[in-house]
Amino acid sequence: MTQTLGATEALAPRAQRIVNILREKLSPSVLELKDDSKKHAHHHARIEAGEDGETHFVIRLRSAKFNGITRVARHRLVNELLADEFRSGLHSASFILQDEKSA
């Protein structure tokens, strides 16, 4: 299991929740999470809403649970798992979702 974070860097609250959900539901052999929120701090809608913090992530995940399902089905599954996060301020997540066979 890897994370795209510094070795001693603690996860922020939303990132930790995302990691916990994905670990629990998908048992990934690889999980990389990168917070890209700072790249989007200038977005008009985000500024007007007074939002800051964890809003944009890049997630790379490899799991046997993806074996035999299409790319679209993988994305739907992960979006469903993160639905509460999207409802509570997560704006965007970019996914790289692999099955164990593509390792």
PDB file of N, CA and C in Angstrom:
ATOM      1  N   MET A   1       0.863  -1.174   0.000  1.00  0.00           N
ATOM      2  CA  MET A   1       0.000   0.000   0.000  1.00  0.00           C
ATOM      3  C   MET A   1       0.901   1.225   0.000  1.00  0.00           C
ATOM      4  N   THR A   2       0.696   2.121  -0.940  1.00  0.00           N
ATOM      5  CA  THR A   2       1.480   3.351  -0.978  1.00  0.00           C
ATOM      6  C   THR A   2       0.545   4.544  -1.010  1.00  0.00           C
ATOM      7  N   GLN A   3       1.061   5.666  -0.614  1.00  0.00           N
ATOM      8  CA  GLN A   3       0.312   6.920  -0.670  1.00  0.00           C
ATOM      9  C   GLN A   3       1.226   7.955  -1.280  1.00  0.00           C
ATOM     10  N   THR A   4       0.691   8.837  -2.098  1.00  0.00           N
ATOM     11  CA  THR A   4       1.502   9.904  -2.655  1.00  0.00           C
ATOM     12  C   THR A   4       1.536  11.039  -1.646  1.00  0.00           C
ATOM     13  N   LEU A   5       2.234  10.797  -0.577  1.00  0.00           N
ATOM     14  CA  LEU A   5       2.402  11.761   0.510  1.00  0.00           C
ATOM     15  C   LEU A   5       3.796  11.564   1.064  1.00  0.00           C
ATOM     16  N   GLY A   6       4.326  12.579   1.711  1.00  0.00           N
ATOM     17  CA  GLY A   6       5.614  12.433   2.359  1.00  0.00           C
ATOM     18  C   GLY A   6       5.563  11.329   3.410  1.00  0.00           C
ATOM     19  N   ALA A   7       6.679  10.689   3.641  1.00  0.00           N
ATOM     20  CA  ALA A   7       6.719   9.544   4.546  1.00  0.00           C
ATOM     21  C   ALA A   7       6.221   9.874   5.943  1.00  0.00           C
ATOM     22  N   THR A   8       6.447  11.094   6.391  1.00  0.00           N
ATOM     23  CA  THR A   8       6.036  11.452   7.746  1.00  0.00           C
ATOM     24  C   THR A   8       4.801  12.343   7.762  1.00  0.00           C
ATOM     25  N   GLU A   9       4.265  12.625   6.580  1.00  0.00           N
ATOM     26  CA  GLU A   9       3.122  13.531   6.485  1.00  0.00           C
ATOM     27  C   GLU A   9       1.833  12.824   6.902  1.00  0.00           C
ATOM     28  N   ALA A  10       1.123  13.428   7.836  1.00  0.00           N
ATOM     29  CA  ALA A  10      -0.160  12.873   8.269  1.00  0.00           C
ATOM     30  C   ALA A  10      -1.219  13.234   7.240  1.00  0.00           C
ATOM     31  N   LEU A  11      -2.209  12.377   7.124  1.00  0.00           N
ATOM     32  CA  LEU A  11      -3.302  12.648   6.193  1.00  0.00           C
ATOM     33  C   LEU A  11      -4.268  13.651   6.792  1.00  0.00           C
ATOM     34  N   ALA A  12      -4.762  14.541   5.953  1.00  0.00           N
ATOM     35  CA  ALA A  12      -5.815  15.468   6.366  1.00  0.00           C
ATOM     36  C   ALA A  12      -7.117  14.673   6.510  1.00  0.00           C
ATOM     37  N   PRO A  13      -8.115  15.228   7.192  1.00  0.00           N
ATOM     38  CA  PRO A  13      -9.329  14.464   7.520  1.00  0.00           C
ATOM     39  C   PRO A  13     -10.040  13.822   6.330  1.00  0.00           C
ATOM     40  N   ARG A  14     -10.308  14.577   5.260  1.00  0.00           N
ATOM     41  CA  ARG A  14     -11.028  13.979   4.124  1.00  0.00           C
ATOM     42  C   ARG A  14     -10.178  12.895   3.468  1.00  0.00           C
ATOM     43  N   ALA A  15      -8.891  13.156   3.296  1.00  0.00           N
ATOM     44  CA  ALA A  15      -8.001  12.159   2.702  1.00  0.00           C
ATOM     45  C   ALA A  15      -8.011  10.880   3.530  1.00  0.00           C
ATOM     46  N   GLN A  16      -7.981  11.012   4.844  1.00  0.00           N
ATOM     47  CA  GLN A  16      -8.000   9.830   5.711  1.00  0.00           C
ATOM     48  C   GLN A  16      -9.312   9.061   5.558  1.00  0.00           C
ATOM     49  N   ARG A  17     -10.432   9.784   5.476  1.00  0.00           N
ATOM     50  CA  ARG A  17     -11.727   9.110   5.281  1.00  0.00           C
ATOM     51  C   ARG A  17     -11.755   8.365   3.949  1.00  0.00           C
ATOM     52  N   ILE A  18     -11.236   9.001   2.901  1.00  0.00           N
ATOM     53  CA  ILE A  18     -11.202   8.355   1.586  1.00  0.00           C
ATOM     54  C   ILE A  18     -10.366   7.084   1.641  1.00  0.00           C
ATOM     55  N   VAL A  19      -9.181   7.173   2.217  1.00  0.00           N
ATOM     56  CA  VAL A  19      -8.312   6.004   2.348  1.00  0.00           C
ATOM     57  C   VAL A  19      -9.016   4.903   3.136  1.00  0.00           C
ATOM     58  N   ASN A  20      -9.651   5.257   4.245  1.00  0.00           N
ATOM     59  CA  ASN A  20     -10.344   4.257   5.065  1.00  0.00           C
ATOM     60  C   ASN A  20     -11.449   3.556   4.286  1.00  0.00           C
ATOM     61  N   ILE A  21     -12.256   4.329   3.557  1.00  0.00           N
ATOM     62  CA  ILE A  21     -13.357   3.758   2.770  1.00  0.00           C
ATOM     63  C   ILE A  21     -12.812   2.804   1.716  1.00  0.00           C
ATOM     64  N   LEU A  22     -11.813   3.252   0.974  1.00  0.00           N
ATOM     65  CA  LEU A  22     -11.287   2.439  -0.118  1.00  0.00           C
ATOM     66  C   LEU A  22     -10.584   1.189   0.395  1.00  0.00           C
ATOM     67  N   ARG A  23      -9.859   1.301   1.489  1.00  0.00           N
ATOM     68  CA  ARG A  23      -9.219   0.117   2.078  1.00  0.00           C
ATOM     69  C   ARG A  23     -10.260  -0.891   2.549  1.00  0.00           C
ATOM     70  N   GLU A  24     -11.275  -0.399   3.251  1.00  0.00           N
ATOM     71  CA  GLU A  24     -12.300  -1.289   3.808  1.00  0.00           C
ATOM     72  C   GLU A  24     -13.101  -1.991   2.717  1.00  0.00           C
ATOM     73  N   LYS A  25     -13.503  -1.260   1.700  1.00  0.00           N
ATOM     74  CA  LYS A  25     -14.416  -1.809   0.691  1.00  0.00           C
ATOM     75  C   LYS A  25     -13.715  -2.525  -0.464  1.00  0.00           C
ATOM     76  N   LEU A  26     -12.485  -2.125  -0.779  1.00  0.00           N
ATOM     77  CA  LEU A  26     -11.837  -2.665  -1.973  1.00  0.00           C
ATOM     78  C   LEU A  26     -10.550  -3.437  -1.703  1.00  0.00           C
ATOM     79  N   SER A  27     -10.057  -3.438  -0.485  1.00  0.00           N
ATOM     80  CA  SER A  27      -8.826  -4.155  -0.123  1.00  0.00           C
ATOM     81  C   SER A  27      -7.741  -4.002  -1.194  1.00  0.00           C
ATOM     82  N   PRO A  28      -7.350  -2.786  -1.490  1.00  0.00           N
ATOM     83  CA  PRO A  28      -6.407  -2.579  -2.596  1.00  0.00           C
ATOM     84  C   PRO A  28      -4.999  -3.077  -2.286  1.00  0.00           C
ATOM     85  N   SER A  29      -4.324  -3.545  -3.330  1.00  0.00           N
ATOM     86  CA  SER A  29      -2.906  -3.883  -3.187  1.00  0.00           C
ATOM     87  C   SER A  29      -2.060  -2.630  -3.405  1.00  0.00           C
ATOM     88  N   VAL A  30      -2.609  -1.668  -4.130  1.00  0.00           N
ATOM     89  CA  VAL A  30      -1.963  -0.370  -4.344  1.00  0.00           C
ATOM     90  C   VAL A  30      -3.011   0.709  -4.125  1.00  0.00           C
ATOM     91  N   LEU A  31      -2.664   1.698  -3.342  1.00  0.00           N
ATOM     92  CA  LEU A  31      -3.536   2.859  -3.154  1.00  0.00           C
ATOM     93  C   LEU A  31      -2.658   4.094  -3.057  1.00  0.00           C
ATOM     94  N   GLU A  32      -2.768   4.961  -4.048  1.00  0.00           N
ATOM     95  CA  GLU A  32      -2.040   6.224  -4.047  1.00  0.00           C
ATOM     96  C   GLU A  32      -3.061   7.343  -4.059  1.00  0.00           C
ATOM     97  N   LEU A  33      -2.874   8.274  -3.178  1.00  0.00           N
ATOM     98  CA  LEU A  33      -3.803   9.392  -3.041  1.00  0.00           C
ATOM     99  C   LEU A  33      -2.997  10.684  -3.080  1.00  0.00           C
ATOM    100  N   LYS A  34      -3.358  11.559  -3.992  1.00  0.00           N
ATOM    101  CA  LYS A  34      -2.669  12.844  -4.107  1.00  0.00           C
ATOM    102  C   LYS A  34      -3.706  13.953  -4.001  1.00  0.00           C
ATOM    103  N   ASP A  35      -3.495  14.872  -3.093  1.00  0.00           N
ATOM    104  CA  ASP A  35      -4.385  16.018  -2.916  1.00  0.00           C
ATOM    105  C   ASP A  35      -3.953  17.115  -3.888  1.00  0.00           C
ATOM    106  N   ASP A  36      -4.801  17.379  -4.881  1.00  0.00           N
ATOM    107  CA  ASP A  36      -4.528  18.414  -5.882  1.00  0.00           C
ATOM    108  C   ASP A  36      -5.303  19.696  -5.615  1.00  0.00           C
ATOM    109  N   SER A  37      -5.843  19.856  -4.443  1.00  0.00           N
ATOM    110  CA  SER A  37      -6.730  20.982  -4.130  1.00  0.00           C
ATOM    111  C   SER A  37      -6.072  22.337  -4.357  1.00  0.00           C
ATOM    112  N   LYS A  38      -4.805  22.461  -4.021  1.00  0.00           N
ATOM    113  CA  LYS A  38      -4.126  23.760  -4.159  1.00  0.00           C
ATOM    114  C   LYS A  38      -4.072  24.220  -5.613  1.00  0.00           C
ATOM    115  N   LYS A  39      -4.049  23.277  -6.547  1.00  0.00           N
ATOM    116  CA  LYS A  39      -4.032  23.631  -7.966  1.00  0.00           C
ATOM    117  C   LYS A  39      -5.352  24.259  -8.408  1.00  0.00           C
ATOM    118  N   HIS A  40      -6.394  24.087  -7.609  1.00  0.00           N
ATOM    119  CA  HIS A  40      -7.734  24.543  -7.982  1.00  0.00           C
ATOM    120  C   HIS A  40      -8.246  25.657  -7.073  1.00  0.00           C
ATOM    121  N   ALA A  41      -7.378  26.219  -6.263  1.00  0.00           N
ATOM    122  CA  ALA A  41      -7.783  27.247  -5.297  1.00  0.00           C
ATOM    123  C   ALA A  41      -8.341  28.491  -5.971  1.00  0.00           C
ATOM    124  N   HIS A  42      -7.977  28.723  -7.209  1.00  0.00           N
ATOM    125  CA  HIS A  42      -8.413  29.921  -7.939  1.00  0.00           C
ATOM    126  C   HIS A  42      -9.783  29.757  -8.602  1.00  0.00           C
ATOM    127  N   HIS A  43     -10.379  28.578  -8.557  1.00  0.00           N
ATOM    128  CA  HIS A  43     -11.663  28.360  -9.236  1.00  0.00           C
ATOM    129  C   HIS A  43     -12.751  29.271  -8.671  1.00  0.00           C
ATOM    130  N   HIS A  44     -13.439  29.938  -9.547  1.00  0.00           N
ATOM    131  CA  HIS A  44     -14.447  30.942  -9.184  1.00  0.00           C
ATOM    132  C   HIS A  44     -15.508  30.384  -8.233  1.00  0.00           C
ATOM    133  N   ALA A  45     -16.082  29.245  -8.551  1.00  0.00           N
ATOM    134  CA  ALA A  45     -17.152  28.680  -7.712  1.00  0.00           C
ATOM    135  C   ALA A  45     -16.639  28.356  -6.314  1.00  0.00           C
ATOM    136  N   ARG A  46     -15.418  27.895  -6.236  1.00  0.00           N
ATOM    137  CA  ARG A  46     -14.831  27.552  -4.943  1.00  0.00           C
ATOM    138  C   ARG A  46     -14.598  28.805  -4.100  1.00  0.00           C
ATOM    139  N   ILE A  47     -14.139  29.856  -4.724  1.00  0.00           N
ATOM    140  CA  ILE A  47     -13.891  31.119  -4.022  1.00  0.00           C
ATOM    141  C   ILE A  47     -15.208  31.712  -3.530  1.00  0.00           C
ATOM    142  N   GLU A  48     -16.220  31.743  -4.401  1.00  0.00           N
ATOM    143  CA  GLU A  48     -17.525  32.300  -4.019  1.00  0.00           C
ATOM    144  C   GLU A  48     -18.153  31.543  -2.857  1.00  0.00           C
ATOM    145  N   ALA A  49     -17.950  30.243  -2.828  1.00  0.00           N
ATOM    146  CA  ALA A  49     -18.529  29.431  -1.761  1.00  0.00           C
ATOM    147  C   ALA A  49     -17.703  29.519  -0.478  1.00  0.00           C
ATOM    148  N   GLY A  50     -16.546  30.173  -0.547  1.00  0.00           N
ATOM    149  CA  GLY A  50     -15.693  30.299   0.627  1.00  0.00           C
ATOM    150  C   GLY A  50     -15.044  28.984   1.020  1.00  0.00           C
ATOM    151  N   GLU A  51     -14.876  28.102   0.049  1.00  0.00           N
ATOM    152  CA  GLU A  51     -14.330  26.781   0.343  1.00  0.00           C
ATOM    153  C   GLU A  51     -12.809  26.801   0.302  1.00  0.00           C
ATOM    154  N   ASP A  52     -12.242  26.009   1.167  1.00  0.00           N
ATOM    155  CA  ASP A  52     -10.823  25.740   1.102  1.00  0.00           C
ATOM    156  C   ASP A  52     -10.634  24.305   1.554  1.00  0.00           C
ATOM    157  N   GLY A  53      -9.422  23.855   1.575  1.00  0.00           N
ATOM    158  CA  GLY A  53      -9.175  22.509   2.058  1.00  0.00           C
ATOM    159  C   GLY A  53      -9.192  21.467   0.959  1.00  0.00           C
ATOM    160  N   GLU A  54      -9.621  20.287   1.320  1.00  0.00           N
ATOM    161  CA  GLU A  54      -9.508  19.107   0.471  1.00  0.00           C
ATOM    162  C   GLU A  54     -10.702  18.982  -0.478  1.00  0.00           C
ATOM    163  N   THR A  55     -10.513  19.383  -1.713  1.00  0.00           N
ATOM    164  CA  THR A  55     -11.619  19.355  -2.667  1.00  0.00           C
ATOM    165  C   THR A  55     -11.308  18.587  -3.944  1.00  0.00           C
ATOM    166  N   HIS A  56     -10.037  18.361  -4.258  1.00  0.00           N
ATOM    167  CA  HIS A  56      -9.639  17.715  -5.508  1.00  0.00           C
ATOM    168  C   HIS A  56      -8.562  16.662  -5.226  1.00  0.00           C
ATOM    169  N   PHE A  57      -8.790  15.442  -5.698  1.00  0.00           N
ATOM    170  CA  PHE A  57      -7.838  14.356  -5.477  1.00  0.00           C
ATOM    171  C   PHE A  57      -7.567  13.583  -6.761  1.00  0.00           C
ATOM    172  N   VAL A  58      -6.391  12.995  -6.823  1.00  0.00           N
ATOM    173  CA  VAL A  58      -6.050  11.998  -7.831  1.00  0.00           C
ATOM    174  C   VAL A  58      -5.859  10.702  -7.059  1.00  0.00           C
ATOM    175  N   ILE A  59      -6.554   9.659  -7.492  1.00  0.00           N
ATOM    176  CA  ILE A  59      -6.530   8.382  -6.778  1.00  0.00           C
ATOM    177  C   ILE A  59      -6.138   7.278  -7.750  1.00  0.00           C
ATOM    178  N   ARG A  60      -5.086   6.567  -7.413  1.00  0.00           N
ATOM    179  CA  ARG A  60      -4.680   5.377  -8.170  1.00  0.00           C
ATOM    180  C   ARG A  60      -4.894   4.183  -7.261  1.00  0.00           C
ATOM    181  N   LEU A  61      -5.609   3.196  -7.777  1.00  0.00           N
ATOM    182  CA  LEU A  61      -5.980   2.063  -6.945  1.00  0.00           C
ATOM    183  C   LEU A  61      -5.944   0.784  -7.769  1.00  0.00           C
ATOM    184  N   ARG A  62      -5.372  -0.269  -7.203  1.00  0.00           N
ATOM    185  CA  ARG A  62      -5.381  -1.597  -7.822  1.00  0.00           C
ATOM    186  C   ARG A  62      -6.049  -2.554  -6.846  1.00  0.00           C
ATOM    187  N   SER A  63      -7.037  -3.293  -7.356  1.00  0.00           N
ATOM    188  CA  SER A  63      -7.789  -4.194  -6.486  1.00  0.00           C
ATOM    189  C   SER A  63      -8.294  -5.407  -7.258  1.00  0.00           C
ATOM    190  N   ALA A  64      -8.282  -6.557  -6.606  1.00  0.00           N
ATOM    191  CA  ALA A  64      -8.861  -7.769  -7.189  1.00  0.00           C
ATOM    192  C   ALA A  64     -10.369  -7.623  -7.360  1.00  0.00           C
ATOM    193  N   LYS A  65     -10.978  -6.726  -6.607  1.00  0.00           N
ATOM    194  CA  LYS A  65     -12.429  -6.506  -6.732  1.00  0.00           C
ATOM    195  C   LYS A  65     -12.785  -5.923  -8.097  1.00  0.00           C
ATOM    196  N   PHE A  66     -11.806  -5.425  -8.829  1.00  0.00           N
ATOM    197  CA  PHE A  66     -12.040  -4.888 -10.165  1.00  0.00           C
ATOM    198  C   PHE A  66     -11.900  -5.956 -11.253  1.00  0.00           C
ATOM    199  N   ASN A  67     -11.416  -7.145 -10.881  1.00  0.00           N
ATOM    200  CA  ASN A  67     -11.239  -8.203 -11.873  1.00  0.00           C
ATOM    201  C   ASN A  67     -12.573  -8.510 -12.540  1.00  0.00           C
ATOM    202  N   GLY A  68     -12.574  -8.504 -13.864  1.00  0.00           N
ATOM    203  CA  GLY A  68     -13.761  -8.891 -14.616  1.00  0.00           C
ATOM    204  C   GLY A  68     -14.827  -7.821 -14.763  1.00  0.00           C
ATOM    205  N   ILE A  69     -14.568  -6.597 -14.279  1.00  0.00           N
ATOM    206  CA  ILE A  69     -15.567  -5.541 -14.487  1.00  0.00           C
ATOM    207  C   ILE A  69     -14.971  -4.437 -15.359  1.00  0.00           C
ATOM    208  N   THR A  70     -15.826  -3.778 -16.090  1.00  0.00           N
ATOM    209  CA  THR A  70     -15.376  -2.766 -17.047  1.00  0.00           C
ATOM    210  C   THR A  70     -14.818  -1.531 -16.341  1.00  0.00           C
ATOM    211  N   ARG A  71     -14.120  -0.743 -17.114  1.00  0.00           N
ATOM    212  CA  ARG A  71     -13.566   0.517 -16.601  1.00  0.00           C
ATOM    213  C   ARG A  71     -14.685   1.422 -16.084  1.00  0.00           C
ATOM    214  N   VAL A  72     -15.782   1.506 -16.832  1.00  0.00           N
ATOM    215  CA  VAL A  72     -16.913   2.341 -16.416  1.00  0.00           C
ATOM    216  C   VAL A  72     -17.499   1.827 -15.102  1.00  0.00           C
ATOM    217  N   ALA A  73     -17.642   0.520 -14.970  1.00  0.00           N
ATOM    218  CA  ALA A  73     -18.181  -0.064 -13.735  1.00  0.00           C
ATOM    219  C   ALA A  73     -17.259   0.210 -12.548  1.00  0.00           C
ATOM    220  N   ARG A  74     -15.960   0.185 -12.766  1.00  0.00           N
ATOM    221  CA  ARG A  74     -14.996   0.506 -11.696  1.00  0.00           C
ATOM    222  C   ARG A  74     -15.202   1.943 -11.218  1.00  0.00           C
ATOM    223  N   HIS A  75     -15.320   2.858 -12.166  1.00  0.00           N
ATOM    224  CA  HIS A  75     -15.512   4.273 -11.822  1.00  0.00           C
ATOM    225  C   HIS A  75     -16.839   4.482 -11.091  1.00  0.00           C
ATOM    226  N   ARG A  76     -17.880   3.829 -11.547  1.00  0.00           N
ATOM    227  CA  ARG A  76     -19.172   3.948 -10.866  1.00  0.00           C
ATOM    228  C   ARG A  76     -19.083   3.444  -9.434  1.00  0.00           C
ATOM    229  N   LEU A  77     -18.431   2.303  -9.252  1.00  0.00           N
ATOM    230  CA  LEU A  77     -18.290   1.722  -7.919  1.00  0.00           C
ATOM    231  C   LEU A  77     -17.566   2.682  -6.980  1.00  0.00           C
ATOM    232  N   VAL A  78     -16.437   3.219  -7.408  1.00  0.00           N
ATOM    233  CA  VAL A  78     -15.661   4.113  -6.546  1.00  0.00           C
ATOM    234  C   VAL A  78     -16.433   5.408  -6.289  1.00  0.00           C
ATOM    235  N   ASN A  79     -17.100   5.936  -7.304  1.00  0.00           N
ATOM    236  CA  ASN A  79     -17.923   7.131  -7.094  1.00  0.00           C
ATOM    237  C   ASN A  79     -19.030   6.871  -6.075  1.00  0.00           C
ATOM    238  N   GLU A  80     -19.654   5.697  -6.131  1.00  0.00           N
ATOM    239  CA  GLU A  80     -20.687   5.350  -5.146  1.00  0.00           C
ATOM    240  C   GLU A  80     -20.102   5.256  -3.741  1.00  0.00           C
ATOM    241  N   LEU A  81     -18.914   4.658  -3.624  1.00  0.00           N
ATOM    242  CA  LEU A  81     -18.276   4.537  -2.311  1.00  0.00           C
ATOM    243  C   LEU A  81     -17.939   5.909  -1.722  1.00  0.00           C
ATOM    244  N   LEU A  82     -17.640   6.867  -2.578  1.00  0.00           N
ATOM    245  CA  LEU A  82     -17.247   8.206  -2.118  1.00  0.00           C
ATOM    246  C   LEU A  82     -18.391   9.214  -2.182  1.00  0.00           C
ATOM    247  N   ALA A  83     -19.607   8.747  -2.377  1.00  0.00           N
ATOM    248  CA  ALA A  83     -20.770   9.637  -2.548  1.00  0.00           C
ATOM    249  C   ALA A  83     -20.925  10.621  -1.391  1.00  0.00           C
ATOM    250  N   ASP A  84     -20.756  10.166  -0.158  1.00  0.00           N
ATOM    251  CA  ASP A  84     -20.892  11.075   0.993  1.00  0.00           C
ATOM    252  C   ASP A  84     -19.835  12.176   0.958  1.00  0.00           C
ATOM    253  N   GLU A  85     -18.642  11.844   0.512  1.00  0.00           N
ATOM    254  CA  GLU A  85     -17.579  12.854   0.407  1.00  0.00           C
ATOM    255  C   GLU A  85     -17.923  13.886  -0.663  1.00  0.00           C
ATOM    256  N   PHE A  86     -18.480  13.436  -1.782  1.00  0.00           N
ATOM    257  CA  PHE A  86     -18.887  14.380  -2.825  1.00  0.00           C
ATOM    258  C   PHE A  86     -20.013  15.279  -2.328  1.00  0.00           C
ATOM    259  N   ARG A  87     -20.911  14.742  -1.536  1.00  0.00           N
ATOM    260  CA  ARG A  87     -22.008  15.555  -0.995  1.00  0.00           C
ATOM    261  C   ARG A  87     -21.515  16.565   0.046  1.00  0.00           C
ATOM    262  N   SER A  88     -20.370  16.300   0.642  1.00  0.00           N
ATOM    263  CA  SER A  88     -19.898  17.167   1.726  1.00  0.00           C
ATOM    264  C   SER A  88     -18.685  18.023   1.355  1.00  0.00           C
ATOM    265  N   GLY A  89     -18.458  18.255   0.057  1.00  0.00           N
ATOM    266  CA  GLY A  89     -17.416  19.203  -0.314  1.00  0.00           C
ATOM    267  C   GLY A  89     -16.337  18.710  -1.253  1.00  0.00           C
ATOM    268  N   LEU A  90     -16.230  17.410  -1.461  1.00  0.00           N
ATOM    269  CA  LEU A  90     -15.288  16.904  -2.456  1.00  0.00           C
ATOM    270  C   LEU A  90     -15.831  17.269  -3.835  1.00  0.00           C
ATOM    271  N   HIS A  91     -15.043  17.992  -4.623  1.00  0.00           N
ATOM    272  CA  HIS A  91     -15.511  18.457  -5.933  1.00  0.00           C
ATOM    273  C   HIS A  91     -15.076  17.557  -7.068  1.00  0.00           C
ATOM    274  N   SER A  92     -13.881  16.999  -6.966  1.00  0.00           N
ATOM    275  CA  SER A  92     -13.345  16.253  -8.098  1.00  0.00           C
ATOM    276  C   SER A  92     -12.402  15.166  -7.616  1.00  0.00           C
ATOM    277  N   ALA A  93     -12.518  14.016  -8.263  1.00  0.00           N
ATOM    278  CA  ALA A  93     -11.566  12.935  -8.035  1.00  0.00           C
ATOM    279  C   ALA A  93     -11.244  12.325  -9.392  1.00  0.00           C
ATOM    280  N   SER A  94      -9.968  12.261  -9.705  1.00  0.00           N
ATOM    281  CA  SER A  94      -9.480  11.625 -10.923  1.00  0.00           C
ATOM    282  C   SER A  94      -9.044  10.225 -10.540  1.00  0.00           C
ATOM    283  N   PHE A  95      -9.469   9.238 -11.305  1.00  0.00           N
ATOM    284  CA  PHE A  95      -9.191   7.852 -10.936  1.00  0.00           C
ATOM    285  C   PHE A  95      -8.325   7.143 -11.969  1.00  0.00           C
ATOM    286  N   ILE A  96      -7.396   6.351 -11.465  1.00  0.00           N
ATOM    287  CA  ILE A  96      -6.681   5.350 -12.249  1.00  0.00           C
ATOM    288  C   ILE A  96      -6.983   4.049 -11.514  1.00  0.00           C
ATOM    289  N   LEU A  97      -7.866   3.231 -12.083  1.00  0.00           N
ATOM    290  CA  LEU A  97      -8.380   2.045 -11.398  1.00  0.00           C
ATOM    291  C   LEU A  97      -7.981   0.797 -12.178  1.00  0.00           C
ATOM    292  N   GLN A  98      -7.199  -0.067 -11.539  1.00  0.00           N
ATOM    293  CA  GLN A  98      -6.670  -1.254 -12.204  1.00  0.00           C
ATOM    294  C   GLN A  98      -7.092  -2.514 -11.467  1.00  0.00           C
ATOM    295  N   ASP A  99      -7.301  -3.588 -12.247  1.00  0.00           N
ATOM    296  CA  ASP A  99      -7.524  -4.879 -11.609  1.00  0.00           C
ATOM    297  C   ASP A  99      -6.164  -5.530 -11.364  1.00  0.00           C
ATOM    298  N   GLU A 100      -6.155  -6.640 -10.657  1.00  0.00           N
ATOM    299  CA  GLU A 100      -4.886  -7.297 -10.333  1.00  0.00           C
ATOM    300  C   GLU A 100      -4.236  -7.911 -11.573  1.00  0.00           C
ATOM    301  N   LYS A 101      -5.029  -8.226 -12.573  1.00  0.00           N
ATOM    302  CA  LYS A 101      -4.498  -8.848 -13.787  1.00  0.00           C
ATOM    303  C   LYS A 101      -3.668  -7.876 -14.614  1.00  0.00           C
ATOM    304  N   SER A 102      -3.922  -6.587 -14.459  1.00  0.00           N
ATOM    305  CA  SER A 102      -3.183  -5.592 -15.244  1.00  0.00           C
ATOM    306  C   SER A 102      -1.915  -5.133 -14.541  1.00  0.00           C
ATOM    307  N   ALA A 103      -1.612  -5.747 -13.422  1.00  0.00           N
ATOM    308  CA  ALA A 103      -0.439  -5.358 -12.627  1.00  0.00           C
ATOM    309  C   ALA A 103       0.852  -5.706 -13.337  1.00  0.00           C
TER     310      ALA A 103
END
